[in-house]
PDB file of N, CA and C in Angstrom:
ATOM      1  N   MET A   1      72.330 -46.946 122.943  1.00  0.00           N
ATOM      2  CA  MET A   1      73.087 -47.754 123.133  1.00  0.00           C
ATOM      3  C   MET A   1      72.795 -48.734 124.350  1.00  0.00           C
ATOM      4  N   ASN A   2      72.874 -50.013 124.392  1.00  0.00           N
ATOM      5  CA  ASN A   2      72.403 -51.105 125.001  1.00  0.00           C
ATOM      6  C   ASN A   2      73.085 -50.734 126.469  1.00  0.00           C
ATOM      7  N   ALA A   3      72.885 -50.944 127.535  1.00  0.00           N
ATOM      8  CA  ALA A   3      73.266 -50.871 128.950  1.00  0.00           C
ATOM      9  C   ALA A   3      74.055 -51.899 129.365  1.00  0.00           C
ATOM     10  N   ILE A   4      73.551 -52.979 128.857  1.00  0.00           N
ATOM     11  CA  ILE A   4      74.556 -54.362 129.074  1.00  0.00           C
ATOM     12  C   ILE A   4      74.669 -54.513 127.461  1.00  0.00           C
ATOM     13  N   ARG A   5      76.057 -55.647 127.733  1.00  0.00           N
ATOM     14  CA  ARG A   5      76.433 -55.913 126.438  1.00  0.00           C
ATOM     15  C   ARG A   5      76.962 -57.312 126.620  1.00  0.00           C
ATOM     16  N   ILE A   6      77.431 -58.061 125.183  1.00  0.00           N
ATOM     17  CA  ILE A   6      77.605 -59.404 125.538  1.00  0.00           C
ATOM     18  C   ILE A   6      78.790 -59.388 124.256  1.00  0.00           C
ATOM     19  N   ILE A   7      79.480 -60.300 124.772  1.00  0.00           N
ATOM     20  CA  ILE A   7      80.622 -60.829 124.000  1.00  0.00           C
ATOM     21  C   ILE A   7      81.085 -62.350 124.070  1.00  0.00           C
ATOM     22  N   GLN A   8      81.583 -63.117 122.875  1.00  0.00           N
ATOM     23  CA  GLN A   8      81.885 -64.240 123.302  1.00  0.00           C
ATOM     24  C   GLN A   8      83.284 -64.809 123.248  1.00  0.00           C
ATOM     25  N   PRO A   9      84.297 -64.332 123.957  1.00  0.00           N
ATOM     26  CA  PRO A   9      85.930 -64.244 124.108  1.00  0.00           C
ATOM     27  C   PRO A   9      86.237 -66.034 123.592  1.00  0.00           C
ATOM     28  N   TYR A  10      87.225 -66.395 123.211  1.00  0.00           N
ATOM     29  CA  TYR A  10      87.990 -67.717 122.831  1.00  0.00           C
ATOM     30  C   TYR A  10      89.387 -67.570 122.858  1.00  0.00           C
ATOM     31  N   ARG A  11      89.829 -68.405 122.869  1.00  0.00           N
ATOM     32  CA  ARG A  11      91.635 -68.320 122.621  1.00  0.00           C
ATOM     33  C   ARG A  11      91.910 -68.286 121.185  1.00  0.00           C
ATOM     34  N   TYR A  12      92.681 -67.969 120.562  1.00  0.00           N
ATOM     35  CA  TYR A  12      93.368 -67.858 119.076  1.00  0.00           C
ATOM     36  C   TYR A  12      94.538 -67.723 119.239  1.00  0.00           C
ATOM     37  N   ALA A  13      95.430 -68.585 118.672  1.00  0.00           N
ATOM     38  CA  ALA A  13      97.003 -68.458 118.769  1.00  0.00           C
ATOM     39  C   ALA A  13      97.032 -68.138 120.319  1.00  0.00           C
ATOM     40  N   GLY A  14      96.666 -68.823 121.201  1.00  0.00           N
ATOM     41  CA  GLY A  14      97.146 -68.994 122.767  1.00  0.00           C
ATOM     42  C   GLY A  14      96.812 -67.696 123.521  1.00  0.00           C
ATOM     43  N   GLN A  15      95.865 -66.899 122.823  1.00  0.00           N
ATOM     44  CA  GLN A  15      95.385 -65.226 123.459  1.00  0.00           C
ATOM     45  C   GLN A  15      93.907 -65.059 123.692  1.00  0.00           C
ATOM     46  N   TRP A  16      93.459 -64.844 124.329  1.00  0.00           N
ATOM     47  CA  TRP A  16      91.965 -64.325 124.357  1.00  0.00           C
ATOM     48  C   TRP A  16      91.804 -63.445 123.437  1.00  0.00           C
ATOM     49  N   VAL A  17      90.652 -63.741 122.670  1.00  0.00           N
ATOM     50  CA  VAL A  17      90.211 -62.462 122.015  1.00  0.00           C
ATOM     51  C   VAL A  17      88.613 -62.818 121.654  1.00  0.00           C
ATOM     52  N   PHE A  18      87.862 -61.831 120.840  1.00  0.00           N
ATOM     53  CA  PHE A  18      86.811 -61.796 120.896  1.00  0.00           C
ATOM     54  C   PHE A  18      86.433 -60.916 119.468  1.00  0.00           C
ATOM     55  N   ASN A  19      85.051 -61.504 118.637  1.00  0.00           N
ATOM     56  CA  ASN A  19      84.622 -60.646 117.615  1.00  0.00           C
ATOM     57  C   ASN A  19      83.171 -60.315 118.207  1.00  0.00           C
ATOM     58  N   ASP A  20      83.215 -59.147 117.408  1.00  0.00           N
ATOM     59  CA  ASP A  20      81.757 -58.333 117.488  1.00  0.00           C
ATOM     60  C   ASP A  20      81.557 -57.610 116.206  1.00  0.00           C
ATOM     61  N   ALA A  21      81.085 -57.595 115.626  1.00  0.00           N
ATOM     62  CA  ALA A  21      80.555 -57.580 114.257  1.00  0.00           C
ATOM     63  C   ALA A  21      79.674 -56.250 113.974  1.00  0.00           C
ATOM     64  N   ALA A  22      78.835 -55.994 115.617  1.00  0.00           N
ATOM     65  CA  ALA A  22      78.355 -54.817 115.557  1.00  0.00           C
ATOM     66  C   ALA A  22      79.095 -53.756 115.326  1.00  0.00           C
ATOM     67  N   VAL A  23      80.500 -53.611 115.969  1.00  0.00           N
ATOM     68  CA  VAL A  23      81.329 -52.767 116.364  1.00  0.00           C
ATOM     69  C   VAL A  23      82.364 -52.820 115.511  1.00  0.00           C
ATOM     70  N   GLY A  24      82.629 -53.519 114.339  1.00  0.00           N
ATOM     71  CA  GLY A  24      83.838 -53.905 113.953  1.00  0.00           C
ATOM     72  C   GLY A  24      84.953 -54.512 114.194  1.00  0.00           C
ATOM     73  N   LEU A  25      84.629 -55.351 114.845  1.00  0.00           N
ATOM     74  CA  LEU A  25      85.869 -55.904 115.745  1.00  0.00           C
ATOM     75  C   LEU A  25      86.135 -57.591 115.325  1.00  0.00           C
ATOM     76  N   GLU A  26      87.393 -57.823 115.110  1.00  0.00           N
ATOM     77  CA  GLU A  26      87.670 -59.115 114.753  1.00  0.00           C
ATOM     78  C   GLU A  26      88.700 -59.930 115.527  1.00  0.00           C
ATOM     79  N   ARG A  27      88.898 -60.999 116.640  1.00  0.00           N
ATOM     80  CA  ARG A  27      90.029 -60.912 117.145  1.00  0.00           C
ATOM     81  C   ARG A  27      90.971 -60.172 117.630  1.00  0.00           C
ATOM     82  N   GLU A  28      89.722 -59.626 118.392  1.00  0.00           N
ATOM     83  CA  GLU A  28      90.470 -58.253 119.177  1.00  0.00           C
ATOM     84  C   GLU A  28      91.043 -59.123 120.641  1.00  0.00           C
ATOM     85  N   PRO A  29      92.186 -58.659 120.715  1.00  0.00           N
ATOM     86  CA  PRO A  29      92.836 -59.344 121.803  1.00  0.00           C
ATOM     87  C   PRO A  29      92.648 -58.705 123.082  1.00  0.00           C
ATOM     88  N   PHE A  30      92.711 -59.500 124.380  1.00  0.00           N
ATOM     89  CA  PHE A  30      92.656 -59.018 125.801  1.00  0.00           C
ATOM     90  C   PHE A  30      94.181 -58.979 126.053  1.00  0.00           C
ATOM     91  N   VAL A  31      94.960 -57.876 126.865  1.00  0.00           N
ATOM     92  CA  VAL A  31      96.195 -58.184 126.552  1.00  0.00           C
ATOM     93  C   VAL A  31      96.390 -57.416 128.211  1.00  0.00           C
ATOM     94  N   ALA A  32      97.874 -57.556 128.781  1.00  0.00           N
ATOM     95  CA  ALA A  32      98.182 -56.651 129.868  1.00  0.00           C
ATOM     96  C   ALA A  32      97.641 -57.034 130.889  1.00  0.00           C
ATOM     97  N   GLY A  33      97.638 -58.137 131.116  1.00  0.00           N
ATOM     98  CA  GLY A  33      96.954 -58.428 132.649  1.00  0.00           C
ATOM     99  C   GLY A  33      95.596 -58.835 132.536  1.00  0.00           C
ATOM    100  N   ILE A  34      94.461 -58.191 131.670  1.00  0.00           N
ATOM    101  CA  ILE A  34      92.962 -58.678 131.311  1.00  0.00           C
ATOM    102  C   ILE A  34      93.134 -59.880 131.178  1.00  0.00           C
ATOM    103  N   ASP A  35      93.879 -60.724 130.282  1.00  0.00           N
ATOM    104  CA  ASP A  35      94.154 -62.007 129.897  1.00  0.00           C
ATOM    105  C   ASP A  35      94.293 -62.434 131.370  1.00  0.00           C
ATOM    106  N   THR A  36      94.935 -62.291 132.155  1.00  0.00           N
ATOM    107  CA  THR A  36      95.247 -62.764 133.316  1.00  0.00           C
ATOM    108  C   THR A  36      94.124 -62.973 133.850  1.00  0.00           C
ATOM    109  N   MET A  37      93.493 -62.310 134.333  1.00  0.00           N
ATOM    110  CA  MET A  37      92.098 -62.214 134.820  1.00  0.00           C
ATOM    111  C   MET A  37      91.025 -62.830 134.367  1.00  0.00           C
ATOM    112  N   ILE A  38      90.895 -62.873 132.655  1.00  0.00           N
ATOM    113  CA  ILE A  38      90.182 -64.051 132.202  1.00  0.00           C
ATOM    114  C   ILE A  38      90.927 -65.304 132.720  1.00  0.00           C
ATOM    115  N   ASP A  39      91.785 -65.677 132.667  1.00  0.00           N
ATOM    116  CA  ASP A  39      92.062 -66.957 132.815  1.00  0.00           C
ATOM    117  C   ASP A  39      92.276 -67.512 134.256  1.00  0.00           C
ATOM    118  N   GLN A  40      91.837 -66.648 135.253  1.00  0.00           N
ATOM    119  CA  GLN A  40      91.359 -66.968 137.041  1.00  0.00           C
ATOM    120  C   GLN A  40      89.771 -66.907 136.482  1.00  0.00           C
ATOM    121  N   MET A  41      89.250 -65.786 136.039  1.00  0.00           N
ATOM    122  CA  MET A  41      87.823 -66.213 136.268  1.00  0.00           C
ATOM    123  C   MET A  41      86.838 -67.400 135.469  1.00  0.00           C
ATOM    124  N   VAL A  42      87.706 -68.030 134.314  1.00  0.00           N
ATOM    125  CA  VAL A  42      87.188 -68.973 133.925  1.00  0.00           C
ATOM    126  C   VAL A  42      87.956 -70.513 133.992  1.00  0.00           C
ATOM    127  N   ALA A  43      88.544 -70.093 134.971  1.00  0.00           N
ATOM    128  CA  ALA A  43      89.056 -71.378 135.227  1.00  0.00           C
ATOM    129  C   ALA A  43      88.194 -72.729 135.555  1.00  0.00           C
ATOM    130  N   ASP A  44      87.119 -72.658 135.966  1.00  0.00           N
ATOM    131  CA  ASP A  44      85.719 -73.736 136.507  1.00  0.00           C
ATOM    132  C   ASP A  44      85.205 -73.571 134.987  1.00  0.00           C
ATOM    133  N   ILE A  45      84.869 -72.763 134.207  1.00  0.00           N
ATOM    134  CA  ILE A  45      83.949 -73.116 132.891  1.00  0.00           C
ATOM    135  C   ILE A  45      84.513 -74.190 132.175  1.00  0.00           C
ATOM    136  N   PRO A  46      83.442 -75.268 131.868  1.00  0.00           N
ATOM    137  CA  PRO A  46      83.999 -75.911 130.812  1.00  0.00           C
ATOM    138  C   PRO A  46      84.680 -75.890 129.224  1.00  0.00           C
ATOM    139  N   ASP A  47      85.385 -75.684 129.050  1.00  0.00           N
ATOM    140  CA  ASP A  47      85.541 -75.590 127.350  1.00  0.00           C
ATOM    141  C   ASP A  47      85.670 -74.019 127.201  1.00  0.00           C
ATOM    142  N   ALA A  48      86.332 -73.349 127.942  1.00  0.00           N
ATOM    143  CA  ALA A  48      86.108 -71.949 128.140  1.00  0.00           C
ATOM    144  C   ALA A  48      86.778 -71.356 126.629  1.00  0.00           C
ATOM    145  N   ASP A  49      88.239 -71.979 126.345  1.00  0.00           N
ATOM    146  CA  ASP A  49      89.265 -71.885 125.398  1.00  0.00           C
ATOM    147  C   ASP A  49      87.945 -71.549 124.083  1.00  0.00           C
ATOM    148  N   THR A  50      87.113 -72.494 124.207  1.00  0.00           N
ATOM    149  CA  THR A  50      86.355 -72.430 122.709  1.00  0.00           C
ATOM    150  C   THR A  50      85.413 -71.494 122.728  1.00  0.00           C
ATOM    151  N   GLY A  51      85.162 -70.727 123.903  1.00  0.00           N
ATOM    152  CA  GLY A  51      84.192 -69.604 123.959  1.00  0.00           C
ATOM    153  C   GLY A  51      83.410 -69.757 125.357  1.00  0.00           C
ATOM    154  N   PHE A  52      83.274 -68.575 125.770  1.00  0.00           N
ATOM    155  CA  PHE A  52      82.541 -68.277 127.075  1.00  0.00           C
ATOM    156  C   PHE A  52      81.882 -67.075 127.051  1.00  0.00           C
ATOM    157  N   ARG A  53      80.741 -66.658 127.957  1.00  0.00           N
ATOM    158  CA  ARG A  53      79.897 -65.572 127.249  1.00  0.00           C
ATOM    159  C   ARG A  53      80.602 -64.775 128.553  1.00  0.00           C
ATOM    160  N   LEU A  54      80.676 -63.513 127.943  1.00  0.00           N
ATOM    161  CA  LEU A  54      80.934 -62.129 129.044  1.00  0.00           C
ATOM    162  C   LEU A  54      79.927 -61.342 128.870  1.00  0.00           C
ATOM    163  N   ILE A  55      79.160 -60.763 129.598  1.00  0.00           N
ATOM    164  CA  ILE A  55      78.217 -59.958 130.070  1.00  0.00           C
ATOM    165  C   ILE A  55      78.870 -58.830 130.768  1.00  0.00           C
ATOM    166  N   PHE A  56      78.968 -57.665 130.316  1.00  0.00           N
ATOM    167  CA  PHE A  56      79.611 -56.329 131.036  1.00  0.00           C
ATOM    168  C   PHE A  56      78.485 -55.167 131.018  1.00  0.00           C
ATOM    169  N   SER A  57      79.047 -54.045 132.150  1.00  0.00           N
ATOM    170  CA  SER A  57      78.314 -52.859 131.985  1.00  0.00           C
ATOM    171  C   SER A  57      78.728 -52.017 133.182  1.00  0.00           C
ATOM    172  N   ASP A  58      78.423 -50.878 132.677  1.00  0.00           N
ATOM    173  CA  ASP A  58      79.251 -49.616 133.499  1.00  0.00           C
ATOM    174  C   ASP A  58      78.286 -49.549 134.849  1.00  0.00           C
ATOM    175  N   SER A  59      77.202 -50.318 134.785  1.00  0.00           N
ATOM    176  CA  SER A  59      76.350 -50.275 135.991  1.00  0.00           C
ATOM    177  C   SER A  59      76.236 -51.698 136.670  1.00  0.00           C
ATOM    178  N   PRO A  60      75.875 -51.722 138.232  1.00  0.00           N
ATOM    179  CA  PRO A  60      76.066 -53.054 138.723  1.00  0.00           C
ATOM    180  C   PRO A  60      74.423 -53.679 138.317  1.00  0.00           C
ATOM    181  N   PHE A  61      74.777 -55.281 137.514  1.00  0.00           N
ATOM    182  CA  PHE A  61      73.417 -55.804 137.423  1.00  0.00           C
ATOM    183  C   PHE A  61      73.530 -57.417 138.271  1.00  0.00           C
ATOM    184  N   PRO A  62      72.065 -57.769 138.481  1.00  0.00           N
ATOM    185  CA  PRO A  62      72.116 -58.986 138.884  1.00  0.00           C
ATOM    186  C   PRO A  62      72.757 -60.233 138.704  1.00  0.00           C
ATOM    187  N   GLY A  63      73.617 -60.624 139.558  1.00  0.00           N
ATOM    188  CA  GLY A  63      74.639 -61.883 138.971  1.00  0.00           C
ATOM    189  C   GLY A  63      76.137 -61.669 138.882  1.00  0.00           C
ATOM    190  N   TYR A  64      75.963 -60.276 138.377  1.00  0.00           N
ATOM    191  CA  TYR A  64      77.597 -59.883 138.433  1.00  0.00           C
ATOM    192  C   TYR A  64      78.719 -60.606 138.747  1.00  0.00           C
ATOM    193  N   ASN A  65      79.792 -61.287 138.564  1.00  0.00           N
ATOM    194  CA  ASN A  65      80.812 -61.729 139.506  1.00  0.00           C
ATOM    195  C   ASN A  65      81.801 -61.082 139.223  1.00  0.00           C
ATOM    196  N   ILE A  66      82.149 -60.385 138.700  1.00  0.00           N
ATOM    197  CA  ILE A  66      83.795 -59.301 139.086  1.00  0.00           C
ATOM    198  C   ILE A  66      83.429 -57.840 138.782  1.00  0.00           C
ATOM    199  N   CYS A  67      84.037 -56.952 139.502  1.00  0.00           N
ATOM    200  CA  CYS A  67      84.319 -55.575 139.589  1.00  0.00           C
ATOM    201  C   CYS A  67      85.306 -55.013 139.336  1.00  0.00           C
ATOM    202  N   VAL A  68      85.350 -54.173 138.253  1.00  0.00           N
ATOM    203  CA  VAL A  68      87.042 -53.679 138.295  1.00  0.00           C
ATOM    204  C   VAL A  68      87.311 -52.302 137.821  1.00  0.00           C
ATOM    205  N   GLU A  69      87.787 -51.681 138.917  1.00  0.00           N
ATOM    206  CA  GLU A  69      87.659 -50.039 138.939  1.00  0.00           C
ATOM    207  C   GLU A  69      88.815 -49.902 138.112  1.00  0.00           C
ATOM    208  N   TRP A  70      88.519 -48.504 137.404  1.00  0.00           N
ATOM    209  CA  TRP A  70      89.460 -47.726 136.672  1.00  0.00           C
ATOM    210  C   TRP A  70      90.727 -47.120 137.479  1.00  0.00           C
ATOM    211  N   ARG A  71      91.742 -47.203 136.772  1.00  0.00           N
ATOM    212  CA  ARG A  71      92.845 -46.771 137.611  1.00  0.00           C
ATOM    213  C   ARG A  71      93.869 -45.594 136.664  1.00  0.00           C
ATOM    214  N   ARG A  72      93.987 -45.353 135.425  1.00  0.00           N
ATOM    215  CA  ARG A  72      94.461 -44.735 134.750  1.00  0.00           C
ATOM    216  C   ARG A  72      94.666 -44.654 133.184  1.00  0.00           C
ATOM    217  N   GLU A  73      95.004 -43.598 132.909  1.00  0.00           N
ATOM    218  CA  GLU A  73      95.042 -43.496 131.120  1.00  0.00           C
ATOM    219  C   GLU A  73      96.235 -44.263 130.798  1.00  0.00           C
ATOM    220  N   GLU A  74      96.562 -44.702 130.044  1.00  0.00           N
ATOM    221  CA  GLU A  74      97.924 -44.933 128.942  1.00  0.00           C
ATOM    222  C   GLU A  74      97.736 -45.321 127.887  1.00  0.00           C
ATOM    223  N   MET A  75      98.391 -44.774 126.874  1.00  0.00           N
ATOM    224  CA  MET A  75      98.479 -44.956 125.425  1.00  0.00           C
ATOM    225  C   MET A  75      97.160 -45.219 124.888  1.00  0.00           C
ATOM    226  N   GLY A  76      96.253 -44.405 125.267  1.00  0.00           N
ATOM    227  CA  GLY A  76      94.640 -44.346 124.761  1.00  0.00           C
ATOM    228  C   GLY A  76      93.985 -45.576 125.320  1.00  0.00           C
ATOM    229  N   GLY A  77      94.584 -46.447 126.115  1.00  0.00           N
ATOM    230  CA  GLY A  77      93.590 -47.431 126.789  1.00  0.00           C
ATOM    231  C   GLY A  77      93.808 -46.749 128.180  1.00  0.00           C
ATOM    232  N   HIS A  78      92.841 -47.787 129.168  1.00  0.00           N
ATOM    233  CA  HIS A  78      92.720 -47.642 130.498  1.00  0.00           C
ATOM    234  C   HIS A  78      92.835 -48.990 131.286  1.00  0.00           C
ATOM    235  N   TRP A  79      93.580 -48.481 132.479  1.00  0.00           N
ATOM    236  CA  TRP A  79      94.419 -49.458 133.372  1.00  0.00           C
ATOM    237  C   TRP A  79      93.043 -49.670 134.156  1.00  0.00           C
ATOM    238  N   TYR A  80      92.377 -50.938 134.499  1.00  0.00           N
ATOM    239  CA  TYR A  80      91.114 -51.367 135.612  1.00  0.00           C
ATOM    240  C   TYR A  80      92.138 -52.201 136.675  1.00  0.00           C
ATOM    241  N   PHE A  81      92.062 -52.357 138.133  1.00  0.00           N
ATOM    242  CA  PHE A  81      91.939 -52.924 139.029  1.00  0.00           C
ATOM    243  C   PHE A  81      90.997 -53.764 139.670  1.00  0.00           C
ATOM    244  N   SER A  82      91.178 -54.949 139.854  1.00  0.00           N
ATOM    245  CA  SER A  82      90.239 -56.149 140.311  1.00  0.00           C
ATOM    246  C   SER A  82      90.727 -56.370 141.844  1.00  0.00           C
ATOM    247  N   PRO A  83      90.272 -55.553 142.571  1.00  0.00           N
ATOM    248  CA  PRO A  83      90.190 -56.186 143.855  1.00  0.00           C
ATOM    249  C   PRO A  83      89.890 -57.464 144.719  1.00  0.00           C
ATOM    250  N   ASP A  84      88.995 -57.731 143.944  1.00  0.00           N
ATOM    251  CA  ASP A  84      88.780 -59.281 143.893  1.00  0.00           C
ATOM    252  C   ASP A  84      90.211 -60.445 143.528  1.00  0.00           C
ATOM    253  N   LEU A  85      90.478 -59.934 142.647  1.00  0.00           N
ATOM    254  CA  LEU A  85      91.944 -60.557 141.958  1.00  0.00           C
ATOM    255  C   LEU A  85      92.908 -60.225 142.451  1.00  0.00           C
ATOM    256  N   GLY A  86      92.928 -59.250 142.797  1.00  0.00           N
ATOM    257  CA  GLY A  86      94.572 -58.140 143.060  1.00  0.00           C
ATOM    258  C   GLY A  86      94.963 -58.170 142.544  1.00  0.00           C
ATOM    259  N   ILE A  87      94.703 -57.898 141.004  1.00  0.00           N
ATOM    260  CA  ILE A  87      95.501 -57.596 139.850  1.00  0.00           C
ATOM    261  C   ILE A  87      94.734 -56.112 139.047  1.00  0.00           C
ATOM    262  N   GLU A  88      95.654 -55.715 138.258  1.00  0.00           N
ATOM    263  CA  GLU A  88      94.963 -54.982 137.441  1.00  0.00           C
ATOM    264  C   GLU A  88      95.152 -54.990 135.693  1.00  0.00           C
ATOM    265  N   GLY A  89      94.495 -54.754 134.925  1.00  0.00           N
ATOM    266  CA  GLY A  89      94.788 -55.317 133.397  1.00  0.00           C
ATOM    267  C   GLY A  89      94.068 -53.776 132.638  1.00  0.00           C
ATOM    268  N   TRP A  90      94.783 -53.537 130.909  1.00  0.00           N
ATOM    269  CA  TRP A  90      94.797 -52.617 130.508  1.00  0.00           C
ATOM    270  C   TRP A  90      93.733 -52.688 129.388  1.00  0.00           C
ATOM    271  N   LEU A  91      92.852 -52.076 129.510  1.00  0.00           N
ATOM    272  CA  LEU A  91      91.730 -52.049 127.780  1.00  0.00           C
ATOM    273  C   LEU A  91      92.115 -51.693 127.099  1.00  0.00           C
ATOM    274  N   CYS A  92      92.198 -51.738 125.788  1.00  0.00           N
ATOM    275  CA  CYS A  92      93.176 -50.797 124.551  1.00  0.00           C
ATOM    276  C   CYS A  92      91.579 -49.945 124.421  1.00  0.00           C
ATOM    277  N   PRO A  93      91.840 -49.640 123.234  1.00  0.00           N
ATOM    278  CA  PRO A  93      91.053 -48.098 122.704  1.00  0.00           C
ATOM    279  C   PRO A  93      89.694 -48.742 122.096  1.00  0.00           C
ATOM    280  N   ALA A  94      89.297 -50.541 121.978  1.00  0.00           N
ATOM    281  CA  ALA A  94      88.249 -50.816 121.263  1.00  0.00           C
ATOM    282  C   ALA A  94      87.161 -50.855 122.647  1.00  0.00           C
ATOM    283  N   LEU A  95      87.655 -49.950 123.930  1.00  0.00           N
ATOM    284  CA  LEU A  95      86.451 -49.843 124.797  1.00  0.00           C
ATOM    285  C   LEU A  95      86.006 -48.684 124.907  1.00  0.00           C
ATOM    286  N   PHE A  96      86.381 -47.742 123.871  1.00  0.00           N
ATOM    287  CA  PHE A  96      85.368 -46.782 123.025  1.00  0.00           C
ATOM    288  C   PHE A  96      84.317 -47.458 122.108  1.00  0.00           C
ATOM    289  N   LYS A  97      84.100 -48.599 121.820  1.00  0.00           N
ATOM    290  CA  LYS A  97      83.204 -48.858 120.690  1.00  0.00           C
ATOM    291  C   LYS A  97      81.818 -49.952 121.659  1.00  0.00           C
ATOM    292  N   TYR A  98      81.933 -49.108 123.240  1.00  0.00           N
ATOM    293  CA  TYR A  98      81.189 -49.274 123.988  1.00  0.00           C
ATOM    294  C   TYR A  98      81.036 -48.634 124.896  1.00  0.00           C
ATOM    295  N   PHE A  99      81.762 -47.525 125.228  1.00  0.00           N
ATOM    296  CA  PHE A  99      81.573 -47.045 126.300  1.00  0.00           C
ATOM    297  C   PHE A  99      81.801 -45.321 125.670  1.00  0.00           C
ATOM    298  N   ASP A 100      81.166 -44.370 125.707  1.00  0.00           N
ATOM    299  CA  ASP A 100      81.507 -42.904 125.210  1.00  0.00           C
ATOM    300  C   ASP A 100      82.927 -42.554 125.955  1.00  0.00           C
ATOM    301  N   ALA A 101      83.074 -42.995 127.542  1.00  0.00           N
ATOM    302  CA  ALA A 101      84.393 -42.384 128.389  1.00  0.00           C
ATOM    303  C   ALA A 101      84.609 -43.587 129.042  1.00  0.00           C
ATOM    304  N   ALA A 102      85.854 -43.868 129.753  1.00  0.00           N
ATOM    305  CA  ALA A 102      86.414 -44.838 130.332  1.00  0.00           C
ATOM    306  C   ALA A 102      85.468 -44.777 131.538  1.00  0.00           C
ATOM    307  N   PRO A 103      84.587 -45.796 131.904  1.00  0.00           N
ATOM    308  CA  PRO A 103      83.824 -45.795 132.927  1.00  0.00           C
ATOM    309  C   PRO A 103      84.469 -45.995 134.395  1.00  0.00           C
ATOM    310  N   PRO A 104      83.852 -45.486 135.422  1.00  0.00           N
ATOM    311  CA  PRO A 104      84.480 -45.834 136.419  1.00  0.00           C
ATOM    312  C   PRO A 104      84.762 -47.082 137.544  1.00  0.00           C
ATOM    313  N   LYS A 105      83.597 -47.742 136.831  1.00  0.00           N
ATOM    314  CA  LYS A 105      83.511 -49.404 137.200  1.00  0.00           C
ATOM    315  C   LYS A 105      83.191 -50.095 136.203  1.00  0.00           C
ATOM    316  N   ILE A 106      83.572 -51.151 136.071  1.00  0.00           N
ATOM    317  CA  ILE A 106      82.820 -51.879 134.791  1.00  0.00           C
ATOM    318  C   ILE A 106      82.484 -53.045 135.279  1.00  0.00           C
ATOM    319  N   TYR A 107      81.464 -53.663 135.743  1.00  0.00           N
ATOM    320  CA  TYR A 107      80.823 -55.176 136.170  1.00  0.00           C
ATOM    321  C   TYR A 107      80.672 -55.986 134.966  1.00  0.00           C
ATOM    322  N   ALA A 108      81.046 -57.167 135.439  1.00  0.00           N
ATOM    323  CA  ALA A 108      80.799 -58.443 134.170  1.00  0.00           C
ATOM    324  C   ALA A 108      80.366 -59.815 135.012  1.00  0.00           C
ATOM    325  N   LEU A 109      79.916 -60.020 134.108  1.00  0.00           N
ATOM    326  CA  LEU A 109      79.885 -61.808 134.146  1.00  0.00           C
ATOM    327  C   LEU A 109      80.186 -62.636 133.449  1.00  0.00           C
ATOM    328  N   LEU A 110      81.092 -63.515 133.798  1.00  0.00           N
ATOM    329  CA  LEU A 110      81.748 -64.456 133.162  1.00  0.00           C
ATOM    330  C   LEU A 110      81.191 -65.991 133.693  1.00  0.00           C
ATOM    331  N   GLY A 111      80.416 -66.524 132.449  1.00  0.00           N
ATOM    332  CA  GLY A 111      79.791 -68.073 132.385  1.00  0.00           C
ATOM    333  C   GLY A 111      80.023 -68.879 131.079  1.00  0.00           C
ATOM    334  N   PRO A 112      79.512 -69.905 131.146  1.00  0.00           N
ATOM    335  CA  PRO A 112      79.672 -71.159 130.153  1.00  0.00           C
ATOM    336  C   PRO A 112      78.906 -70.014 129.048  1.00  0.00           C
ATOM    337  N   SER A 113      79.196 -70.561 127.754  1.00  0.00           N
ATOM    338  CA  SER A 113      78.102 -69.619 126.420  1.00  0.00           C
ATOM    339  C   SER A 113      77.354 -70.537 126.428  1.00  0.00           C
ATOM    340  N   LYS A 114      76.796 -71.839 126.423  1.00  0.00           N
ATOM    341  CA  LYS A 114      75.804 -72.533 126.403  1.00  0.00           C
ATOM    342  C   LYS A 114      74.922 -72.652 128.113  1.00  0.00           C
ATOM    343  N   PRO A 115      73.579 -72.095 128.184  1.00  0.00           N
ATOM    344  CA  PRO A 115      73.220 -72.565 129.561  1.00  0.00           C
ATOM    345  C   PRO A 115      73.366 -73.759 129.706  1.00  0.00           C
ATOM    346  N   GLY A 116      72.973 -74.147 131.417  1.00  0.00           N
ATOM    347  CA  GLY A 116      73.185 -75.328 132.194  1.00  0.00           C
ATOM    348  C   GLY A 116      74.460 -75.828 132.455  1.00  0.00           C
TER     349      GLY A 116
END
């Protein structure tokens, strides 16, 4: 299993979603506060609605620009809190396509899908 993973979320029907054929996900939505975190984090990324790069890991890595902290389990998913943004969001059970257990922290880097 890779230590660092990459997906490319985009807007579909007004909602942030992503595809990852490697783990069997198509138009998997971000909901319940995670979508709000994404809105805030991509506000300055040109054309983010058509896709942006989201690199994530359960370990810190150079250049990460957000860290969310585990709070509690609910309905098979897990709530995470962003101290920087002051909001929390729920990650659905698709989390377990990437991690064996809900990590205490998730580090991420959101940026343009095309370098430059």
